[in-house]
C-alpha cells in the first residue's frame, strides 16, 4: 500500500487560507458563505480565510474584507509594472511581484491560497509559496492527443463551438502550467443552452451564448465545487502518494473526484 500524506492534516487545526482575487470576488463570497455555514453546523469551520489579497486596486477586495472583518492586502500589478516601465505581458518580472506578495502575506501564516478569480499568472515563486487551488470553467479531465482540451480563457466558448452538449467546472492545483495542475474535483455536467436559430458564426451571438452558459456554469459548477474542495482539503480527505498522485478518502483519483 502506498504511503499517503494528507494535503492538510486537520489535527493541526483549521486550514488557514489566503484568498487571491482580481475582480468582483463572487467566488470568494461563496467560499466565505460556505465557511460561515460550516461554522454554524460544526461550531467551527475546518478552513478559515485569514487574509484577502488582490493585484487590482479597483477590485472589491477591500469591500469584501470589511464586510467579513478580514485584513486585505492590495498590491496593484498595473502600478508595479508601470513603475518599472514594462508591460504586464512581460512575465520576467512576475517572480519579483510574486516574491513580494508572498512576503507581504507571511504574517497570516496561510498555507493554502484560493485563487478566487485571480487573473495574474502565478510564477513558480508563488507556486512554491502556497498550495494553490483554482476553479476552471471546463472539465479538465477531457484530453485530445494527450493534452487537456478545454484550457485558457475561452474554454466555455471553445466547448460550445465544438458542439459539446454539456459543460462542467474543475478545481485544480496551481502548478507551473496554466490550467495544467492536478485535478481535485469536477462538477456535475451543465447542459449547454443555445437559443433556437442562434447563428454561432456571428461573433456577437457567440459571445452572448458563451456568457449565458458561463454564468449558469458559475452558479451550478464553480460555486459548488470550489467551497466543497476547500472543505474536503481541510477535512484531510485529499492526500497524495509518493509520486504526487491525488487520492480521495484513500483511493487514487488521478482525474479528480467527480460529483
Protein backbone atom coordinates (compact mmCIF):
# COMPACT_ATOMS: atom_id res chain seq x y z
CA UNK A 1 0.00 0.00 0.00
CA UNK A 2 1.35 3.48 -0.86
CA UNK A 3 2.13 5.85 1.97
CA UNK A 4 -0.31 8.74 1.73
CA UNK A 5 0.22 12.26 3.01
CA UNK A 6 -2.79 14.45 3.70
CA UNK A 7 -2.60 17.75 1.88
CA UNK A 8 -3.88 19.27 5.11
CA UNK A 9 -3.94 17.39 8.39
CA UNK A 10 -6.95 18.54 10.44
CA UNK A 11 -5.08 17.52 13.59
CA UNK A 12 -3.00 20.66 13.04
CA UNK A 13 -6.11 22.83 13.34
CA UNK A 14 -8.20 24.71 10.78
CA UNK A 15 -6.64 25.14 7.35
CA UNK A 16 -5.57 28.78 7.01
CA UNK A 17 -6.43 30.21 3.59
CA UNK A 18 -5.22 33.30 1.74
CA UNK A 19 -7.82 34.31 -0.84
CA UNK A 20 -6.46 35.78 -4.07
CA UNK A 21 -8.78 37.85 -6.27
CA UNK A 22 -8.69 40.44 -9.04
CA UNK A 23 -12.29 41.50 -9.67
CA UNK A 24 -15.77 41.22 -8.23
CA UNK A 25 -14.93 38.39 -5.83
CA UNK A 26 -18.11 36.36 -6.34
CA UNK A 27 -16.20 33.08 -5.98
CA UNK A 28 -14.68 34.33 -2.74
CA UNK A 29 -18.07 35.37 -1.39
CA UNK A 30 -19.37 31.82 -1.96
CA UNK A 31 -16.31 30.42 -0.16
CA UNK A 32 -16.91 32.74 2.80
CA UNK A 33 -20.61 31.83 2.86
CA UNK A 34 -19.65 28.15 2.95
CA UNK A 35 -17.15 28.78 5.73
CA UNK A 36 -19.81 30.56 7.78
CA UNK A 37 -22.30 27.75 7.19
CA UNK A 38 -19.78 25.15 8.36
CA UNK A 39 -19.10 27.26 11.45
CA UNK A 40 -22.79 27.23 12.31
CA UNK A 41 -23.14 23.50 11.67
CA UNK A 42 -19.91 22.31 13.32
CA UNK A 43 -19.13 25.04 15.79
CA UNK A 44 -16.00 25.89 13.80
CA UNK A 45 -15.18 25.69 10.11
CA UNK A 46 -12.34 23.30 9.16
CA UNK A 47 -10.92 26.08 6.96
CA UNK A 48 -10.61 29.78 7.62
CA UNK A 49 -9.92 32.58 5.15
CA UNK A 50 -7.46 34.68 7.14
CA UNK A 51 -6.48 37.33 4.58
CA UNK A 52 -7.62 38.61 1.19
CA UNK A 53 -5.05 39.59 -1.42
CA UNK A 54 -5.72 41.47 -4.62
CA UNK A 55 -3.50 42.53 -7.50
CA UNK A 56 -6.06 45.12 -8.60
CA UNK A 57 -6.74 48.26 -6.59
CA UNK A 58 -10.09 48.55 -8.39
CA UNK A 59 -11.34 45.16 -7.20
CA UNK A 60 -13.88 44.59 -4.41
CA UNK A 61 -11.26 43.05 -2.12
CA UNK A 62 -11.28 45.84 0.47
CA UNK A 63 -15.09 45.95 0.48
CA UNK A 64 -15.43 42.18 0.94
CA UNK A 65 -12.73 42.20 3.63
CA UNK A 66 -14.58 44.92 5.55
CA UNK A 67 -17.87 43.01 5.31
CA UNK A 68 -16.23 39.92 6.83
CA UNK A 69 -13.86 41.63 9.29
CA UNK A 70 -10.78 40.39 7.44
CA UNK A 71 -7.50 42.07 6.53
CA UNK A 72 -6.89 42.97 2.90
CA UNK A 73 -3.54 43.31 1.17
CA UNK A 74 -3.55 45.34 -2.05
CA UNK A 75 -0.58 45.26 -4.43
CA UNK A 76 -1.66 46.67 -7.77
CA UNK A 77 0.13 44.78 -10.51
CA UNK A 78 -0.53 47.54 -13.04
CA UNK A 79 1.24 50.07 -10.82
CA UNK A 80 4.06 47.58 -10.22
CA UNK A 81 4.72 47.27 -13.95
CA UNK A 82 4.19 50.98 -14.67
CA UNK A 83 6.81 51.88 -12.05
CA UNK A 84 9.29 49.71 -13.93
CA UNK A 85 8.23 50.95 -17.37
CA UNK A 86 7.31 47.46 -18.55
CA UNK A 87 4.10 45.93 -19.96
CA UNK A 88 2.16 43.40 -17.86
CA UNK A 89 2.78 40.83 -20.59
CA UNK A 90 6.45 40.76 -19.54
CA UNK A 91 6.39 37.66 -17.35
CA UNK A 92 10.08 38.02 -16.49
CA UNK A 93 9.04 40.46 -13.74
CA UNK A 94 6.35 38.20 -12.33
CA UNK A 95 8.67 36.30 -9.93
CA UNK A 96 9.64 39.60 -8.30
CA UNK A 97 5.99 40.61 -7.92
CA UNK A 98 5.08 37.21 -6.50
CA UNK A 99 8.01 37.15 -4.07
CA UNK A 100 6.93 40.49 -2.66
CA UNK A 101 3.35 39.23 -2.43
CA UNK A 102 4.38 36.07 -0.57
CA UNK A 103 6.44 38.17 1.83
CA UNK A 104 3.53 40.54 2.43
CA UNK A 105 1.24 37.62 3.31
CA UNK A 106 3.63 35.85 5.70
CA UNK A 107 2.20 37.37 8.89
CA UNK A 108 -1.08 35.46 8.42
CA UNK A 109 0.53 32.03 8.19
CA UNK A 110 -1.66 30.78 5.35
CA UNK A 111 -0.52 27.56 3.72
CA UNK A 112 -3.23 27.35 1.06
CA UNK A 113 -4.13 30.02 -1.49
CA UNK A 114 -7.61 30.02 -3.02
CA UNK A 115 -7.37 31.65 -6.45
CA UNK A 116 -10.89 33.09 -6.46
CA UNK A 117 -10.90 34.99 -9.72
CA UNK A 118 -7.21 35.88 -9.61
CA UNK A 119 -6.27 36.90 -13.15
CA UNK A 120 -2.48 37.07 -12.94
CA UNK A 121 -0.42 34.05 -13.99
CA UNK A 122 1.32 32.57 -10.95
CA UNK A 123 5.09 32.28 -11.31
CA UNK A 124 6.99 29.34 -9.80
CA UNK A 125 7.72 31.59 -6.82
CA UNK A 126 4.02 31.76 -5.92
CA UNK A 127 3.50 28.06 -6.73
CA UNK A 128 6.18 27.20 -4.14
CA UNK A 129 4.91 29.67 -1.54
CA UNK A 130 1.40 28.19 -1.26
CA UNK A 131 -0.60 25.11 -2.10
CA UNK A 132 -2.81 26.94 -4.61
CA UNK A 133 -6.30 25.89 -5.69
CA UNK A 134 -8.17 27.33 -8.67
CA UNK A 135 -11.53 26.71 -10.32
CA UNK A 136 -11.68 26.47 -14.11
CA UNK A 137 -14.86 26.53 -16.27
CA UNK A 138 -14.26 23.21 -18.01
CA UNK A 139 -13.85 19.50 -17.44
CA UNK A 140 -10.06 19.34 -17.31
CA UNK A 141 -10.08 15.55 -17.50
CA UNK A 142 -11.05 15.75 -21.19
CA UNK A 143 -7.97 15.30 -23.33
CA UNK A 144 -7.12 15.17 -27.01
CA UNK A 145 -3.85 13.62 -28.14
CA UNK A 146 -2.68 13.54 -24.53
CA UNK A 147 -3.32 17.25 -23.87
CA UNK A 148 -6.11 18.92 -21.95
CA UNK A 149 -8.68 20.11 -24.40
CA UNK A 150 -10.59 22.88 -22.65
CA UNK A 151 -7.97 25.28 -21.28
CA UNK A 152 -7.47 29.02 -21.46
CA UNK A 153 -9.76 31.99 -21.02
CA UNK A 154 -12.42 30.85 -23.51
CA UNK A 155 -12.92 27.23 -22.52
CA UNK A 156 -16.71 27.56 -22.48
CA UNK A 157 -16.79 29.19 -25.91
CA UNK A 158 -14.45 26.57 -27.34
CA UNK A 159 -16.58 23.72 -25.97
CA UNK A 160 -19.75 25.27 -27.41
CA UNK A 161 -18.15 25.80 -30.82
CA UNK A 162 -17.00 22.17 -30.81
CA UNK A 163 -20.60 21.04 -30.33
CA UNK A 164 -20.36 19.84 -26.71
CA UNK A 165 -23.79 19.23 -25.19
CA UNK A 166 -22.67 19.73 -21.58
CA UNK A 167 -20.00 21.73 -19.76
CA UNK A 168 -18.53 21.37 -16.28
CA UNK A 169 -16.15 23.08 -13.85
CA UNK A 170 -12.95 21.68 -12.32
CA UNK A 171 -10.92 22.62 -9.28
CA UNK A 172 -7.22 22.00 -9.68
CA UNK A 173 -3.90 22.58 -8.00
CA UNK A 174 -1.98 25.66 -9.16
CA UNK A 175 1.18 24.39 -10.83
CA UNK A 176 3.67 25.71 -13.34
CA UNK A 177 1.46 25.13 -16.41
CA UNK A 178 -1.65 27.29 -16.79
CA UNK A 179 -4.72 25.06 -16.27
CA UNK A 180 -2.35 22.11 -16.11
CA UNK A 181 -2.37 21.32 -12.40
CA UNK A 182 -3.63 18.12 -10.79
CA UNK A 183 -7.42 17.92 -10.70
CA UNK A 184 -9.22 17.86 -7.38
CA UNK A 185 -12.91 17.88 -8.26
CA UNK A 186 -15.21 18.04 -11.30
CA UNK A 187 -18.76 19.37 -11.08
CA UNK A 188 -21.92 17.78 -12.36
CA UNK A 189 -22.41 18.45 -16.08
CA UNK A 190 -24.46 21.50 -17.02
CA UNK A 191 -26.44 21.31 -20.29
CA UNK A 192 -25.35 23.79 -22.93
CA UNK A 193 -28.16 26.20 -23.78
CA UNK A 194 -28.30 27.67 -27.28
CA UNK A 195 -31.33 29.72 -28.36
CA UNK A 196 -33.26 28.33 -31.34
CA UNK A 197 -31.95 29.77 -34.58
CA UNK A 198 -28.80 31.24 -32.99
CA UNK A 199 -26.03 31.66 -35.56
CA UNK A 200 -22.82 30.81 -33.71
CA UNK A 201 -20.80 32.07 -36.66
CA UNK A 202 -21.93 35.56 -35.66
CA UNK A 203 -19.32 36.70 -33.13
CA UNK A 204 -21.80 38.83 -31.19
CA UNK A 205 -24.26 35.94 -30.89
CA UNK A 206 -21.47 33.53 -29.93
CA UNK A 207 -20.29 35.91 -27.20
CA UNK A 208 -23.81 36.19 -25.79
CA UNK A 209 -24.24 32.41 -25.78
CA UNK A 210 -20.81 31.99 -24.17
CA UNK A 211 -21.59 34.48 -21.40
CA UNK A 212 -25.02 32.97 -20.72
CA UNK A 213 -23.65 29.45 -20.39
CA UNK A 214 -20.64 30.56 -18.37
CA UNK A 215 -22.95 32.35 -15.95
CA UNK A 216 -25.03 29.21 -15.39
CA UNK A 217 -21.87 27.11 -15.05
CA UNK A 218 -20.53 29.53 -12.44
CA UNK A 219 -23.67 29.09 -10.35
CA UNK A 220 -24.06 25.32 -10.78
CA UNK A 221 -20.38 24.40 -11.04
CA UNK A 222 -17.81 26.87 -9.66
CA UNK A 223 -19.85 27.95 -6.64
CA UNK A 224 -20.49 24.33 -5.69
CA UNK A 225 -17.14 22.63 -6.09
CA UNK A 226 -14.74 25.41 -5.06
CA UNK A 227 -16.05 25.74 -1.47
CA UNK A 228 -16.52 21.96 -1.28
CA UNK A 229 -12.94 21.35 -2.43
CA UNK A 230 -11.67 23.58 0.39
CA UNK A 231 -13.87 21.76 2.90
CA UNK A 232 -12.60 18.34 1.79
CA UNK A 233 -8.99 19.53 1.78
CA UNK A 234 -9.41 20.95 5.28
CA UNK A 235 -11.01 17.71 6.48
CA UNK A 236 -7.94 15.76 5.29
CA UNK A 237 -9.86 13.83 2.65
CA UNK A 238 -7.44 14.74 -0.15
CA UNK A 239 -3.96 13.26 0.05
CA UNK A 240 -1.03 12.44 -2.22
CA UNK A 241 1.21 9.42 -2.60
CA UNK A 242 4.97 9.49 -3.04
CA UNK A 243 4.57 10.42 -6.70
CA UNK A 244 2.17 13.30 -6.08
CA UNK A 245 -0.95 11.50 -7.36
CA UNK A 246 -4.13 12.85 -5.79
CA UNK A 247 -6.08 10.43 -3.60
CA UNK A 248 -9.53 10.97 -2.12
CA UNK A 249 -10.53 9.09 1.03
CA UNK A 250 -7.51 6.86 0.47
CA UNK A 251 -8.37 5.91 -3.11
CA UNK A 252 -6.45 7.12 -6.20
CA UNK A 253 -8.24 9.95 -8.01
CA UNK A 254 -5.77 10.98 -10.74
CA UNK A 255 -8.54 12.64 -12.77
CA UNK A 256 -10.29 14.20 -9.82
CA UNK A 257 -13.36 13.49 -7.74
CA UNK A 258 -16.43 13.68 -9.94
CA UNK A 259 -19.70 14.79 -8.35
